[in-house]
Amino acid sequence: DFSEGLALVAEYGWGRAYGFINTRG
């Protein structure tokens, strides 16, 4: 879920590392 405009995501190919995206992706 988004919180304060950012969402935690893991993209395929990132090797199970997590980053954050904004509401525009």
mmCIF file of all heavy atoms, coordinates in Angstrom:
data_MODEL
# 
_entry.id   MODEL 
# 
loop_
_atom_site.group_PDB 
_atom_site.id 
_atom_site.type_symbol 
_atom_site.label_atom_id 
_atom_site.label_alt_id 
_atom_site.label_comp_id 
_atom_site.label_asym_id 
_atom_site.label_entity_id 
_atom_site.label_seq_id 
_atom_site.pdbx_PDB_ins_code 
_atom_site.Cartn_x 
_atom_site.Cartn_y 
_atom_site.Cartn_z 
_atom_site.occupancy 
_atom_site.B_iso_or_equiv 
_atom_site.pdbx_formal_charge 
_atom_site.auth_seq_id 
_atom_site.auth_comp_id 
_atom_site.auth_asym_id 
_atom_site.auth_atom_id 
_atom_site.pdbx_PDB_model_num 
ATOM 1   N N   . ASP A 1 1  ? 0.829  -1.212  0.000   1.00 0.00 ? 1  ASP A N   1 
ATOM 2   C CA  . ASP A 1 1  ? 0.000  0.000   0.000   1.00 0.00 ? 1  ASP A CA  1 
ATOM 3   C C   . ASP A 1 1  ? 0.860  1.258   0.000   1.00 0.00 ? 1  ASP A C   1 
ATOM 4   O O   . ASP A 1 1  ? 1.966  1.260   0.535   1.00 0.00 ? 1  ASP A O   1 
ATOM 5   C CB  . ASP A 1 1  ? -0.903 0.043   1.235   1.00 0.00 ? 1  ASP A CB  1 
ATOM 6   C CG  . ASP A 1 1  ? -2.066 -0.919  1.134   1.00 0.00 ? 1  ASP A CG  1 
ATOM 7   O OD1 . ASP A 1 1  ? -2.635 -1.052  0.035   1.00 0.00 ? 1  ASP A OD1 1 
ATOM 8   O OD2 . ASP A 1 1  ? -2.399 -1.535  2.156   1.00 0.00 ? 1  ASP A OD2 1 
ATOM 9   N N   . PHE A 1 2  ? 0.313  2.326   -0.553  1.00 0.00 ? 2  PHE A N   1 
ATOM 10  C CA  . PHE A 1 2  ? 0.977  3.624   -0.513  1.00 0.00 ? 2  PHE A CA  1 
ATOM 11  C C   . PHE A 1 2  ? 0.842  4.215   0.886   1.00 0.00 ? 2  PHE A C   1 
ATOM 12  O O   . PHE A 1 2  ? -0.180 4.065   1.547   1.00 0.00 ? 2  PHE A O   1 
ATOM 13  C CB  . PHE A 1 2  ? 0.353  4.594   -1.521  1.00 0.00 ? 2  PHE A CB  1 
ATOM 14  C CG  . PHE A 1 2  ? 0.898  4.415   -2.907  1.00 0.00 ? 2  PHE A CG  1 
ATOM 15  C CD1 . PHE A 1 2  ? 0.322  3.518   -3.781  1.00 0.00 ? 2  PHE A CD1 1 
ATOM 16  C CD2 . PHE A 1 2  ? 1.998  5.140   -3.328  1.00 0.00 ? 2  PHE A CD2 1 
ATOM 17  C CE1 . PHE A 1 2  ? 0.825  3.345   -5.056  1.00 0.00 ? 2  PHE A CE1 1 
ATOM 18  C CE2 . PHE A 1 2  ? 2.514  4.983   -4.602  1.00 0.00 ? 2  PHE A CE2 1 
ATOM 19  C CZ  . PHE A 1 2  ? 1.918  4.081   -5.469  1.00 0.00 ? 2  PHE A CZ  1 
ATOM 20  N N   . SER A 1 3  ? 1.888  4.889   1.311   1.00 0.00 ? 3  SER A N   1 
ATOM 21  C CA  . SER A 1 3  ? 1.889  5.623   2.569   1.00 0.00 ? 3  SER A CA  1 
ATOM 22  C C   . SER A 1 3  ? 2.696  6.889   2.326   1.00 0.00 ? 3  SER A C   1 
ATOM 23  O O   . SER A 1 3  ? 3.845  6.821   1.891   1.00 0.00 ? 3  SER A O   1 
ATOM 24  C CB  . SER A 1 3  ? 2.532  4.785   3.678   1.00 0.00 ? 3  SER A CB  1 
ATOM 25  O OG  . SER A 1 3  ? 2.584  5.523   4.874   1.00 0.00 ? 3  SER A OG  1 
ATOM 26  N N   . GLU A 1 4  ? 2.068  8.024   2.568   1.00 0.00 ? 4  GLU A N   1 
ATOM 27  C CA  . GLU A 1 4  ? 2.703  9.317   2.333   1.00 0.00 ? 4  GLU A CA  1 
ATOM 28  C C   . GLU A 1 4  ? 3.216  9.457   0.900   1.00 0.00 ? 4  GLU A C   1 
ATOM 29  O O   . GLU A 1 4  ? 4.271  10.020  0.645   1.00 0.00 ? 4  GLU A O   1 
ATOM 30  C CB  . GLU A 1 4  ? 3.820  9.565   3.348   1.00 0.00 ? 4  GLU A CB  1 
ATOM 31  C CG  . GLU A 1 4  ? 3.318  9.637   4.768   1.00 0.00 ? 4  GLU A CG  1 
ATOM 32  C CD  . GLU A 1 4  ? 4.364  10.044  5.779   1.00 0.00 ? 4  GLU A CD  1 
ATOM 33  O OE1 . GLU A 1 4  ? 5.489  10.400  5.404   1.00 0.00 ? 4  GLU A OE1 1 
ATOM 34  O OE2 . GLU A 1 4  ? 4.021  9.997   6.981   1.00 0.00 ? 4  GLU A OE2 1 
ATOM 35  N N   . GLY A 1 5  ? 2.458  8.900   -0.040  1.00 0.00 ? 5  GLY A N   1 
ATOM 36  C CA  . GLY A 1 5  ? 2.776  9.062   -1.455  1.00 0.00 ? 5  GLY A CA  1 
ATOM 37  C C   . GLY A 1 5  ? 3.789  8.083   -2.015  1.00 0.00 ? 5  GLY A C   1 
ATOM 38  O O   . GLY A 1 5  ? 4.136  8.160   -3.193  1.00 0.00 ? 5  GLY A O   1 
ATOM 39  N N   . LEU A 1 6  ? 4.267  7.144   -1.213  1.00 0.00 ? 6  LEU A N   1 
ATOM 40  C CA  . LEU A 1 6  ? 5.254  6.161   -1.665  1.00 0.00 ? 6  LEU A CA  1 
ATOM 41  C C   . LEU A 1 6  ? 4.778  4.745   -1.351  1.00 0.00 ? 6  LEU A C   1 
ATOM 42  O O   . LEU A 1 6  ? 4.162  4.509   -0.315  1.00 0.00 ? 6  LEU A O   1 
ATOM 43  C CB  . LEU A 1 6  ? 6.610  6.399   -0.999  1.00 0.00 ? 6  LEU A CB  1 
ATOM 44  C CG  . LEU A 1 6  ? 7.273  7.740   -1.276  1.00 0.00 ? 6  LEU A CG  1 
ATOM 45  C CD1 . LEU A 1 6  ? 8.558  7.874   -0.476  1.00 0.00 ? 6  LEU A CD1 1 
ATOM 46  C CD2 . LEU A 1 6  ? 7.554  7.914   -2.762  1.00 0.00 ? 6  LEU A CD2 1 
ATOM 47  N N   . ALA A 1 7  ? 5.095  3.817   -2.258  1.00 0.00 ? 7  ALA A N   1 
ATOM 48  C CA  . ALA A 1 7  ? 4.750  2.410   -2.049  1.00 0.00 ? 7  ALA A CA  1 
ATOM 49  C C   . ALA A 1 7  ? 6.000  1.558   -2.186  1.00 0.00 ? 7  ALA A C   1 
ATOM 50  O O   . ALA A 1 7  ? 6.821  1.759   -3.087  1.00 0.00 ? 7  ALA A O   1 
ATOM 51  C CB  . ALA A 1 7  ? 3.699  1.947   -3.061  1.00 0.00 ? 7  ALA A CB  1 
ATOM 52  N N   . LEU A 1 8  ? 6.122  0.592   -1.313  1.00 0.00 ? 8  LEU A N   1 
ATOM 53  C CA  . LEU A 1 8  ? 7.214  -0.369  -1.357  1.00 0.00 ? 8  LEU A CA  1 
ATOM 54  C C   . LEU A 1 8  ? 6.943  -1.359  -2.480  1.00 0.00 ? 8  LEU A C   1 
ATOM 55  O O   . LEU A 1 8  ? 5.848  -1.921  -2.558  1.00 0.00 ? 8  LEU A O   1 
ATOM 56  C CB  . LEU A 1 8  ? 7.308  -1.104  -0.017  1.00 0.00 ? 8  LEU A CB  1 
ATOM 57  C CG  . LEU A 1 8  ? 8.384  -2.172  0.103   1.00 0.00 ? 8  LEU A CG  1 
ATOM 58  C CD1 . LEU A 1 8  ? 9.756  -1.522  0.170   1.00 0.00 ? 8  LEU A CD1 1 
ATOM 59  C CD2 . LEU A 1 8  ? 8.132  -3.010  1.350   1.00 0.00 ? 8  LEU A CD2 1 
ATOM 60  N N   . VAL A 1 9  ? 7.933  -1.561  -3.341  1.00 0.00 ? 9  VAL A N   1 
ATOM 61  C CA  . VAL A 1 9  ? 7.794  -2.512  -4.438  1.00 0.00 ? 9  VAL A CA  1 
ATOM 62  C C   . VAL A 1 9  ? 9.086  -3.293  -4.621  1.00 0.00 ? 9  VAL A C   1 
ATOM 63  O O   . VAL A 1 9  ? 10.164 -2.855  -4.226  1.00 0.00 ? 9  VAL A O   1 
ATOM 64  C CB  . VAL A 1 9  ? 7.439  -1.816  -5.782  1.00 0.00 ? 9  VAL A CB  1 
ATOM 65  C CG1 . VAL A 1 9  ? 6.066  -1.169  -5.724  1.00 0.00 ? 9  VAL A CG1 1 
ATOM 66  C CG2 . VAL A 1 9  ? 8.505  -0.822  -6.194  1.00 0.00 ? 9  VAL A CG2 1 
ATOM 67  N N   . ALA A 1 10 ? 8.957  -4.462  -5.233  1.00 0.00 ? 10 ALA A N   1 
ATOM 68  C CA  . ALA A 1 10 ? 10.104 -5.242  -5.690  1.00 0.00 ? 10 ALA A CA  1 
ATOM 69  C C   . ALA A 1 10 ? 9.804  -5.602  -7.130  1.00 0.00 ? 10 ALA A C   1 
ATOM 70  O O   . ALA A 1 10 ? 8.797  -6.266  -7.416  1.00 0.00 ? 10 ALA A O   1 
ATOM 71  C CB  . ALA A 1 10 ? 10.296 -6.489  -4.841  1.00 0.00 ? 10 ALA A CB  1 
ATOM 72  N N   . GLU A 1 11 ? 10.634 -5.147  -8.025  1.00 0.00 ? 11 GLU A N   1 
ATOM 73  C CA  . GLU A 1 11 ? 10.434 -5.416  -9.444  1.00 0.00 ? 11 GLU A CA  1 
ATOM 74  C C   . GLU A 1 11 ? 11.204 -6.673  -9.822  1.00 0.00 ? 11 GLU A C   1 
ATOM 75  O O   . GLU A 1 11 ? 12.295 -6.921  -9.306  1.00 0.00 ? 11 GLU A O   1 
ATOM 76  C CB  . GLU A 1 11 ? 10.936 -4.224  -10.268 1.00 0.00 ? 11 GLU A CB  1 
ATOM 77  C CG  . GLU A 1 11 ? 10.532 -4.293  -11.719 1.00 0.00 ? 11 GLU A CG  1 
ATOM 78  C CD  . GLU A 1 11 ? 10.826 -3.003  -12.456 1.00 0.00 ? 11 GLU A CD  1 
ATOM 79  O OE1 . GLU A 1 11 ? 10.616 -1.915  -11.882 1.00 0.00 ? 11 GLU A OE1 1 
ATOM 80  O OE2 . GLU A 1 11 ? 11.260 -3.100  -13.613 1.00 0.00 ? 11 GLU A OE2 1 
ATOM 81  N N   . TYR A 1 12 ? 10.615 -7.479  -10.702 1.00 0.00 ? 12 TYR A N   1 
ATOM 82  C CA  . TYR A 1 12 ? 11.333 -8.646  -11.185 1.00 0.00 ? 12 TYR A CA  1 
ATOM 83  C C   . TYR A 1 12 ? 12.649 -8.179  -11.775 1.00 0.00 ? 12 TYR A C   1 
ATOM 84  O O   . TYR A 1 12 ? 12.722 -7.174  -12.469 1.00 0.00 ? 12 TYR A O   1 
ATOM 85  C CB  . TYR A 1 12 ? 10.509 -9.409  -12.224 1.00 0.00 ? 12 TYR A CB  1 
ATOM 86  C CG  . TYR A 1 12 ? 9.429  -10.242 -11.585 1.00 0.00 ? 12 TYR A CG  1 
ATOM 87  C CD1 . TYR A 1 12 ? 8.127  -9.781  -11.524 1.00 0.00 ? 12 TYR A CD1 1 
ATOM 88  C CD2 . TYR A 1 12 ? 9.725  -11.467 -11.006 1.00 0.00 ? 12 TYR A CD2 1 
ATOM 89  C CE1 . TYR A 1 12 ? 7.132  -10.524 -10.914 1.00 0.00 ? 12 TYR A CE1 1 
ATOM 90  C CE2 . TYR A 1 12 ? 8.741  -12.212 -10.390 1.00 0.00 ? 12 TYR A CE2 1 
ATOM 91  C CZ  . TYR A 1 12 ? 7.446  -11.741 -10.348 1.00 0.00 ? 12 TYR A CZ  1 
ATOM 92  O OH  . TYR A 1 12 ? 6.478  -12.482 -9.726  1.00 0.00 ? 12 TYR A OH  1 
ATOM 93  N N   . GLY A 1 13 ? 13.718 -8.884  -11.424 1.00 0.00 ? 13 GLY A N   1 
ATOM 94  C CA  . GLY A 1 13 ? 15.036 -8.513  -11.901 1.00 0.00 ? 13 GLY A CA  1 
ATOM 95  C C   . GLY A 1 13 ? 15.834 -7.718  -10.875 1.00 0.00 ? 13 GLY A C   1 
ATOM 96  O O   . GLY A 1 13 ? 17.024 -7.512  -11.030 1.00 0.00 ? 13 GLY A O   1 
ATOM 97  N N   . TRP A 1 14 ? 15.154 -7.242  -9.818  1.00 0.00 ? 14 TRP A N   1 
ATOM 98  C CA  . TRP A 1 14 ? 15.871 -6.499  -8.777  1.00 0.00 ? 14 TRP A CA  1 
ATOM 99  C C   . TRP A 1 14 ? 16.539 -7.451  -7.778  1.00 0.00 ? 14 TRP A C   1 
ATOM 100 O O   . TRP A 1 14 ? 17.223 -7.016  -6.878  1.00 0.00 ? 14 TRP A O   1 
ATOM 101 C CB  . TRP A 1 14 ? 14.932 -5.584  -8.015  1.00 0.00 ? 14 TRP A CB  1 
ATOM 102 C CG  . TRP A 1 14 ? 14.530 -4.343  -8.737  1.00 0.00 ? 14 TRP A CG  1 
ATOM 103 C CD1 . TRP A 1 14 ? 14.895 -3.949  -9.997  1.00 0.00 ? 14 TRP A CD1 1 
ATOM 104 C CD2 . TRP A 1 14 ? 13.678 -3.315  -8.242  1.00 0.00 ? 14 TRP A CD2 1 
ATOM 105 N NE1 . TRP A 1 14 ? 14.327 -2.755  -10.308 1.00 0.00 ? 14 TRP A NE1 1 
ATOM 106 C CE2 . TRP A 1 14 ? 13.564 -2.326  -9.254  1.00 0.00 ? 14 TRP A CE2 1 
ATOM 107 C CE3 . TRP A 1 14 ? 12.992 -3.116  -7.050  1.00 0.00 ? 14 TRP A CE3 1 
ATOM 108 C CZ2 . TRP A 1 14 ? 12.808 -1.179  -9.097  1.00 0.00 ? 14 TRP A CZ2 1 
ATOM 109 C CZ3 . TRP A 1 14 ? 12.238 -1.979  -6.906  1.00 0.00 ? 14 TRP A CZ3 1 
ATOM 110 C CH2 . TRP A 1 14 ? 12.149 -1.017  -7.919  1.00 0.00 ? 14 TRP A CH2 1 
ATOM 111 N N   . GLY A 1 15 ? 16.310 -8.737  -7.922  1.00 0.00 ? 15 GLY A N   1 
ATOM 112 C CA  . GLY A 1 15 ? 16.918 -9.693  -7.007  1.00 0.00 ? 15 GLY A CA  1 
ATOM 113 C C   . GLY A 1 15 ? 16.377 -9.642  -5.594  1.00 0.00 ? 15 GLY A C   1 
ATOM 114 O O   . GLY A 1 15 ? 17.109 -9.756  -4.638  1.00 0.00 ? 15 GLY A O   1 
ATOM 115 N N   . ARG A 1 16 ? 15.069 -9.467  -5.488  1.00 0.00 ? 16 ARG A N   1 
ATOM 116 C CA  . ARG A 1 16 ? 14.363 -9.405  -4.195  1.00 0.00 ? 16 ARG A CA  1 
ATOM 117 C C   . ARG A 1 16 ? 14.781 -8.199  -3.362  1.00 0.00 ? 16 ARG A C   1 
ATOM 118 O O   . ARG A 1 16 ? 14.618 -8.168  -2.147  1.00 0.00 ? 16 ARG A O   1 
ATOM 119 C CB  . ARG A 1 16 ? 14.539 -10.681 -3.384  1.00 0.00 ? 16 ARG A CB  1 
ATOM 120 C CG  . ARG A 1 16 ? 13.931 -11.909 -3.998  1.00 0.00 ? 16 ARG A CG  1 
ATOM 121 C CD  . ARG A 1 16 ? 12.458 -11.828 -4.117  1.00 0.00 ? 16 ARG A CD  1 
ATOM 122 N NE  . ARG A 1 16 ? 11.800 -12.373 -2.927  1.00 0.00 ? 16 ARG A NE  1 
ATOM 123 C CZ  . ARG A 1 16 ? 10.539 -12.186 -2.655  1.00 0.00 ? 16 ARG A CZ  1 
ATOM 124 N NH1 . ARG A 1 16 ? 9.786  -11.495 -3.456  1.00 0.00 ? 16 ARG A NH1 1 
ATOM 125 N NH2 . ARG A 1 16 ? 9.998  -12.696 -1.597  1.00 0.00 ? 16 ARG A NH2 1 
ATOM 126 N N   . ALA A 1 17 ? 15.333 -7.186  -3.986  1.00 0.00 ? 17 ALA A N   1 
ATOM 127 C CA  . ALA A 1 17 ? 15.602 -5.925  -3.294  1.00 0.00 ? 17 ALA A CA  1 
ATOM 128 C C   . ALA A 1 17 ? 14.358 -5.060  -3.419  1.00 0.00 ? 17 ALA A C   1 
ATOM 129 O O   . ALA A 1 17 ? 13.621 -5.149  -4.395  1.00 0.00 ? 17 ALA A O   1 
ATOM 130 C CB  . ALA A 1 17 ? 16.811 -5.222  -3.910  1.00 0.00 ? 17 ALA A CB  1 
ATOM 131 N N   . TYR A 1 18 ? 14.137 -4.233  -2.427  1.00 0.00 ? 18 TYR A N   1 
ATOM 132 C CA  . TYR A 1 18 ? 12.935 -3.409  -2.393  1.00 0.00 ? 18 TYR A CA  1 
ATOM 133 C C   . TYR A 1 18 ? 13.280 -1.939  -2.565  1.00 0.00 ? 18 TYR A C   1 
ATOM 134 O O   . TYR A 1 18 ? 14.299 -1.470  -2.077  1.00 0.00 ? 18 TYR A O   1 
ATOM 135 C CB  . TYR A 1 18 ? 12.188 -3.606  -1.066  1.00 0.00 ? 18 TYR A CB  1 
ATOM 136 C CG  . TYR A 1 18 ? 11.690 -5.016  -0.903  1.00 0.00 ? 18 TYR A CG  1 
ATOM 137 C CD1 . TYR A 1 18 ? 12.492 -6.002  -0.353  1.00 0.00 ? 18 TYR A CD1 1 
ATOM 138 C CD2 . TYR A 1 18 ? 10.421 -5.349  -1.333  1.00 0.00 ? 18 TYR A CD2 1 
ATOM 139 C CE1 . TYR A 1 18 ? 12.034 -7.301  -0.221  1.00 0.00 ? 18 TYR A CE1 1 
ATOM 140 C CE2 . TYR A 1 18 ? 9.953  -6.649  -1.205  1.00 0.00 ? 18 TYR A CE2 1 
ATOM 141 C CZ  . TYR A 1 18 ? 10.766 -7.620  -0.647  1.00 0.00 ? 18 TYR A CZ  1 
ATOM 142 O OH  . TYR A 1 18 ? 10.309 -8.906  -0.532  1.00 0.00 ? 18 TYR A OH  1 
ATOM 143 N N   . GLY A 1 19 ? 12.400 -1.238  -3.264  1.00 0.00 ? 19 GLY A N   1 
ATOM 144 C CA  . GLY A 1 19 ? 12.525 0.194   -3.445  1.00 0.00 ? 19 GLY A CA  1 
ATOM 145 C C   . GLY A 1 19 ? 11.148 0.817   -3.283  1.00 0.00 ? 19 GLY A C   1 
ATOM 146 O O   . GLY A 1 19 ? 10.187 0.136   -2.908  1.00 0.00 ? 19 GLY A O   1 
ATOM 147 N N   . PHE A 1 20 ? 11.033 2.097   -3.582  1.00 0.00 ? 20 PHE A N   1 
ATOM 148 C CA  . PHE A 1 20 ? 9.767  2.802   -3.441  1.00 0.00 ? 20 PHE A CA  1 
ATOM 149 C C   . PHE A 1 20 ? 9.435  3.551   -4.727  1.00 0.00 ? 20 PHE A C   1 
ATOM 150 O O   . PHE A 1 20 ? 10.327 4.112   -5.370  1.00 0.00 ? 20 PHE A O   1 
ATOM 151 C CB  . PHE A 1 20 ? 9.824  3.807   -2.286  1.00 0.00 ? 20 PHE A CB  1 
ATOM 152 C CG  . PHE A 1 20 ? 9.822  3.164   -0.931  1.00 0.00 ? 20 PHE A CG  1 
ATOM 153 C CD1 . PHE A 1 20 ? 11.005 2.752   -0.343  1.00 0.00 ? 20 PHE A CD1 1 
ATOM 154 C CD2 . PHE A 1 20 ? 8.638  2.964   -0.244  1.00 0.00 ? 20 PHE A CD2 1 
ATOM 155 C CE1 . PHE A 1 20 ? 11.006 2.158   0.911   1.00 0.00 ? 20 PHE A CE1 1 
ATOM 156 C CE2 . PHE A 1 20 ? 8.624  2.371   1.012   1.00 0.00 ? 20 PHE A CE2 1 
ATOM 157 C CZ  . PHE A 1 20 ? 9.820  1.971   1.586   1.00 0.00 ? 20 PHE A CZ  1 
ATOM 158 N N   . ILE A 1 21 ? 8.147  3.535   -5.084  1.00 0.00 ? 21 ILE A N   1 
ATOM 159 C CA  . ILE A 1 21 ? 7.660  4.287   -6.238  1.00 0.00 ? 21 ILE A CA  1 
ATOM 160 C C   . ILE A 1 21 ? 6.668  5.345   -5.765  1.00 0.00 ? 21 ILE A C   1 
ATOM 161 O O   . ILE A 1 21 ? 6.113  5.239   -4.680  1.00 0.00 ? 21 ILE A O   1 
ATOM 162 C CB  . ILE A 1 21 ? 6.986  3.370   -7.288  1.00 0.00 ? 21 ILE A CB  1 
ATOM 163 C CG1 . ILE A 1 21 ? 5.763  2.654   -6.687  1.00 0.00 ? 21 ILE A CG1 1 
ATOM 164 C CG2 . ILE A 1 21 ? 7.992  2.392   -7.888  1.00 0.00 ? 21 ILE A CG2 1 
ATOM 165 C CD1 . ILE A 1 21 ? 4.891  1.945   -7.706  1.00 0.00 ? 21 ILE A CD1 1 
ATOM 166 N N   . ASN A 1 22 ? 6.440  6.345   -6.631  1.00 0.00 ? 22 ASN A N   1 
ATOM 167 C CA  . ASN A 1 22 ? 5.405  7.339   -6.346  1.00 0.00 ? 22 ASN A CA  1 
ATOM 168 C C   . ASN A 1 22 ? 4.116  6.930   -7.059  1.00 0.00 ? 22 ASN A C   1 
ATOM 169 O O   . ASN A 1 22 ? 4.068  5.886   -7.712  1.00 0.00 ? 22 ASN A O   1 
ATOM 170 C CB  . ASN A 1 22 ? 5.859  8.756   -6.725  1.00 0.00 ? 22 ASN A CB  1 
ATOM 171 C CG  . ASN A 1 22 ? 6.147  8.926   -8.199  1.00 0.00 ? 22 ASN A CG  1 
ATOM 172 O OD1 . ASN A 1 22 ? 5.678  8.168   -9.056  1.00 0.00 ? 22 ASN A OD1 1 
ATOM 173 N ND2 . ASN A 1 22 ? 6.936  9.935   -8.527  1.00 0.00 ? 22 ASN A ND2 1 
ATOM 174 N N   . THR A 1 23 ? 3.080  7.746   -6.971  1.00 0.00 ? 23 THR A N   1 
ATOM 175 C CA  . THR A 1 23 ? 1.770  7.389   -7.524  1.00 0.00 ? 23 THR A CA  1 
ATOM 176 C C   . THR A 1 23 ? 1.744  7.441   -9.052  1.00 0.00 ? 23 THR A C   1 
ATOM 177 O O   . THR A 1 23 ? 0.757  7.039   -9.654  1.00 0.00 ? 23 THR A O   1 
ATOM 178 C CB  . THR A 1 23 ? 0.668  8.307   -6.961  1.00 0.00 ? 23 THR A CB  1 
ATOM 179 O OG1 . THR A 1 23 ? 1.006  9.668   -7.229  1.00 0.00 ? 23 THR A OG1 1 
ATOM 180 C CG2 . THR A 1 23 ? 0.488  8.089   -5.464  1.00 0.00 ? 23 THR A CG2 1 
ATOM 181 N N   . ARG A 1 24 ? 2.812  7.889   -9.670  1.00 0.00 ? 24 ARG A N   1 
ATOM 182 C CA  . ARG A 1 24 ? 2.925  7.851   -11.142 1.00 0.00 ? 24 ARG A CA  1 
ATOM 183 C C   . ARG A 1 24 ? 3.707  6.628   -11.598 1.00 0.00 ? 24 ARG A C   1 
ATOM 184 O O   . ARG A 1 24 ? 3.936  6.445   -12.785 1.00 0.00 ? 24 ARG A O   1 
ATOM 185 C CB  . ARG A 1 24 ? 3.576  9.139   -11.648 1.00 0.00 ? 24 ARG A CB  1 
ATOM 186 C CG  . ARG A 1 24 ? 2.697  10.376  -11.445 1.00 0.00 ? 24 ARG A CG  1 
ATOM 187 C CD  . ARG A 1 24 ? 3.315  11.652  -11.988 1.00 0.00 ? 24 ARG A CD  1 
ATOM 188 N NE  . ARG A 1 24 ? 4.615  11.980  -11.428 1.00 0.00 ? 24 ARG A NE  1 
ATOM 189 C CZ  . ARG A 1 24 ? 4.817  12.558  -10.238 1.00 0.00 ? 24 ARG A CZ  1 
ATOM 190 N NH1 . ARG A 1 24 ? 3.789  12.844  -9.473  1.00 0.00 ? 24 ARG A NH1 1 
ATOM 191 N NH2 . ARG A 1 24 ? 6.027  12.841  -9.821  1.00 0.00 ? 24 ARG A NH2 1 
ATOM 192 N N   . GLY A 1 25 ? 4.172  5.818   -10.636 1.00 0.00 ? 25 GLY A N   1 
ATOM 193 C CA  . GLY A 1 25 ? 4.926  4.612   -10.962 1.00 0.00 ? 25 GLY A CA  1 
ATOM 194 C C   . GLY A 1 25 ? 6.409  4.869   -11.159 1.00 0.00 ? 25 GLY A C   1 
ATOM 195 O O   . GLY A 1 25 ? 7.146  3.968   -11.557 1.00 0.00 ? 25 GLY A O   1 
# 
